[in-house]
Amino acid sequence: MEPRDLLRIKGLTKAMNPTDARFEERWAAVTAEYSGWCADLGALTSPVNRRLEFLRMLREKFSELDLLSNRRLVDSILRDALAIGAKCQGFTPEGVHSELTVIDRDLSPRGGIVYTLETPDGRRFSHETFD
C-alpha cells in the first residue's frame, strides 16, 4: 500500500475517535504487523487482497470502532477494487456468463467485498468476493 494511502486511512481512523490516547501505539502495531505480513504471505497475493488484510488487522486493533460505517475509509481501502460503473465478465446467479456492470460496492462484515452487479437486461444481484 502506498504511504499516502496509509496516511489517509490513518487520518480517517483517528477522526473516528480523536481522543484515543493509545492511537499512535495501536496504529504502529497495525502497520508493523502489516509490513511483516506483506514481506511474507502478502507478497504472493493481489493488491486488493493486501488491502483487505490491512483492514482486517485495523479492525482487530480498533475493534471498538465501526470502521465499515465510514464510507470514505471503505473507499480508501477499496481503491484497487472494481470501481462503480466498471464493466466485468462474470456469471449471473442462474449461471449464465454475461457482461456485468458494478452498481455499488461495499465491505461485508466478514471482510470481503460485496459488489452489486447489473446484467444487460437490468437485473441486479450481489456477489461477495475476497479477492
Protein backbone atom coordinates (compact mmCIF):
# COMPACT_ATOMS: atom_id res chain seq x y z
CA MET A 1 0.00 0.00 0.00
CA GLU A 2 1.29 3.45 -0.86
CA PRO A 3 2.41 5.71 2.05
CA ARG A 4 -0.18 8.35 1.03
CA ASP A 5 -2.91 5.70 1.28
CA LEU A 6 -1.74 4.75 4.76
CA LEU A 7 -1.72 8.41 5.83
CA ARG A 8 -5.26 8.91 4.52
CA ILE A 9 -6.54 5.77 6.25
CA LYS A 10 -4.74 6.78 9.44
CA GLY A 11 -6.41 10.19 9.43
CA LEU A 12 -9.84 8.73 8.77
CA THR A 13 -9.39 6.17 11.55
CA LYS A 14 -8.15 8.76 14.07
CA ALA A 15 -11.07 11.06 13.24
CA MET A 16 -13.46 8.33 14.41
CA ASN A 17 -12.00 8.57 17.94
CA PRO A 18 -9.83 11.70 18.22
CA THR A 19 -9.37 11.36 22.00
CA ASP A 20 -7.79 7.88 21.85
CA ALA A 21 -4.61 8.28 23.93
CA ARG A 22 -3.21 4.99 22.58
CA PHE A 23 -3.95 5.69 18.92
CA GLU A 24 -0.32 6.08 17.76
CA GLU A 25 0.75 2.95 19.62
CA ARG A 26 -2.07 0.89 18.14
CA TRP A 27 -1.55 2.34 14.64
CA ALA A 28 2.17 1.46 14.84
CA ALA A 29 1.24 -2.10 15.84
CA VAL A 30 -1.07 -2.44 12.83
CA THR A 31 1.48 -1.08 10.36
CA ALA A 32 4.28 -3.24 11.80
CA GLU A 33 2.14 -6.38 11.58
CA TYR A 34 1.06 -5.46 8.05
CA SER A 35 4.63 -4.82 6.90
CA GLY A 36 5.71 -8.21 8.21
CA TRP A 37 2.75 -9.92 6.54
CA CYS A 38 3.46 -8.15 3.22
CA ALA A 39 7.07 -9.30 3.28
CA ASP A 40 5.89 -12.90 3.68
CA LEU A 41 2.44 -14.08 2.56
CA GLY A 42 1.32 -10.70 1.26
CA ALA A 43 3.96 -10.80 -1.45
CA LEU A 44 2.06 -13.73 -3.01
CA THR A 45 -1.34 -12.07 -3.31
CA SER A 46 -3.11 -9.24 -5.12
CA PRO A 47 -3.20 -5.56 -4.10
CA VAL A 48 -6.91 -5.89 -3.29
CA ASN A 49 -6.27 -8.84 -1.00
CA ARG A 50 -3.43 -6.95 0.71
CA ARG A 51 -5.80 -4.04 1.39
CA LEU A 52 -8.46 -6.37 2.78
CA GLU A 53 -5.88 -7.92 5.09
CA PHE A 54 -4.82 -4.47 6.26
CA LEU A 55 -8.46 -3.71 7.05
CA ARG A 56 -8.78 -6.97 8.97
CA MET A 57 -5.75 -6.03 11.08
CA LEU A 58 -7.06 -2.50 11.57
CA ARG A 59 -10.47 -3.77 12.69
CA GLU A 60 -8.78 -6.13 15.14
CA LYS A 61 -6.71 -3.37 16.80
CA PHE A 62 -9.53 -0.78 16.72
CA SER A 63 -12.39 -3.17 17.45
CA GLU A 64 -14.38 -0.50 19.33
CA LEU A 65 -14.78 1.49 16.09
CA ASP A 66 -17.30 0.63 13.40
CA LEU A 67 -14.79 1.13 10.59
CA LEU A 68 -17.13 -0.34 7.97
CA SER A 69 -19.60 2.51 8.56
CA ASN A 70 -17.06 5.11 7.39
CA ARG A 71 -17.66 5.37 3.63
CA ARG A 72 -14.50 7.41 2.99
CA LEU A 73 -12.42 4.79 4.81
CA VAL A 74 -14.11 1.97 2.89
CA ASP A 75 -13.48 3.78 -0.42
CA SER A 76 -9.82 4.21 0.52
CA ILE A 77 -9.48 0.50 1.28
CA LEU A 78 -11.28 -0.45 -1.96
CA ARG A 79 -9.18 1.83 -4.16
CA ASP A 80 -7.77 -1.13 -6.15
CA ALA A 81 -11.11 -2.97 -6.42
CA LEU A 82 -13.55 -2.72 -9.33
CA ALA A 83 -14.98 0.80 -9.43
CA ILE A 84 -18.65 1.70 -9.56
CA GLY A 85 -19.57 1.81 -13.24
CA ALA A 86 -16.88 -0.68 -14.26
CA LYS A 87 -17.77 -3.47 -16.69
CA CYS A 88 -16.64 -7.01 -15.97
CA GLN A 89 -17.29 -10.55 -17.16
CA GLY A 90 -18.95 -12.93 -14.75
CA PHE A 91 -21.79 -15.29 -14.04
CA THR A 92 -25.34 -14.41 -13.04
CA PRO A 93 -26.96 -16.30 -10.14
CA GLU A 94 -28.51 -18.57 -12.82
CA GLY A 95 -25.02 -19.50 -14.03
CA VAL A 96 -25.16 -17.55 -17.30
CA HIS A 97 -21.92 -15.89 -18.40
CA SER A 98 -22.53 -12.20 -19.07
CA GLU A 99 -21.05 -8.74 -19.11
CA LEU A 100 -21.90 -7.14 -15.78
CA THR A 101 -21.81 -3.56 -14.54
CA VAL A 102 -20.73 -2.69 -11.00
CA ILE A 103 -23.58 -0.64 -9.50
CA ASP A 104 -22.25 -0.46 -5.93
CA ARG A 105 -19.54 -1.95 -3.76
CA ASP A 106 -19.10 -2.22 -0.04
CA LEU A 107 -17.29 -4.24 2.58
CA SER A 108 -19.04 -7.13 4.26
CA PRO A 109 -18.85 -7.77 8.00
CA ARG A 110 -16.72 -10.83 7.09
CA GLY A 111 -14.14 -8.60 5.41
CA GLY A 112 -14.96 -9.35 1.79
CA ILE A 113 -16.05 -7.01 -0.98
CA VAL A 114 -19.74 -7.10 -1.84
CA TYR A 115 -20.43 -5.96 -5.37
CA THR A 116 -23.92 -5.09 -6.54
CA LEU A 117 -23.90 -6.08 -10.19
CA GLU A 118 -26.33 -5.44 -13.02
CA THR A 119 -26.93 -7.59 -16.09
CA PRO A 120 -27.51 -6.05 -19.53
CA ASP A 121 -31.28 -6.57 -19.08
CA GLY A 122 -31.29 -4.61 -15.79
CA ARG A 123 -31.43 -7.44 -13.24
CA ARG A 124 -29.34 -6.78 -10.13
CA PHE A 125 -27.69 -9.14 -7.70
CA SER A 126 -24.93 -9.09 -5.10
CA HIS A 127 -21.73 -11.09 -5.09
CA GLU A 128 -19.18 -11.27 -2.27
CA THR A 129 -15.53 -11.86 -3.05
CA PHE A 130 -12.36 -11.90 -1.02
CA ASP A 131 -10.11 -11.09 -3.97
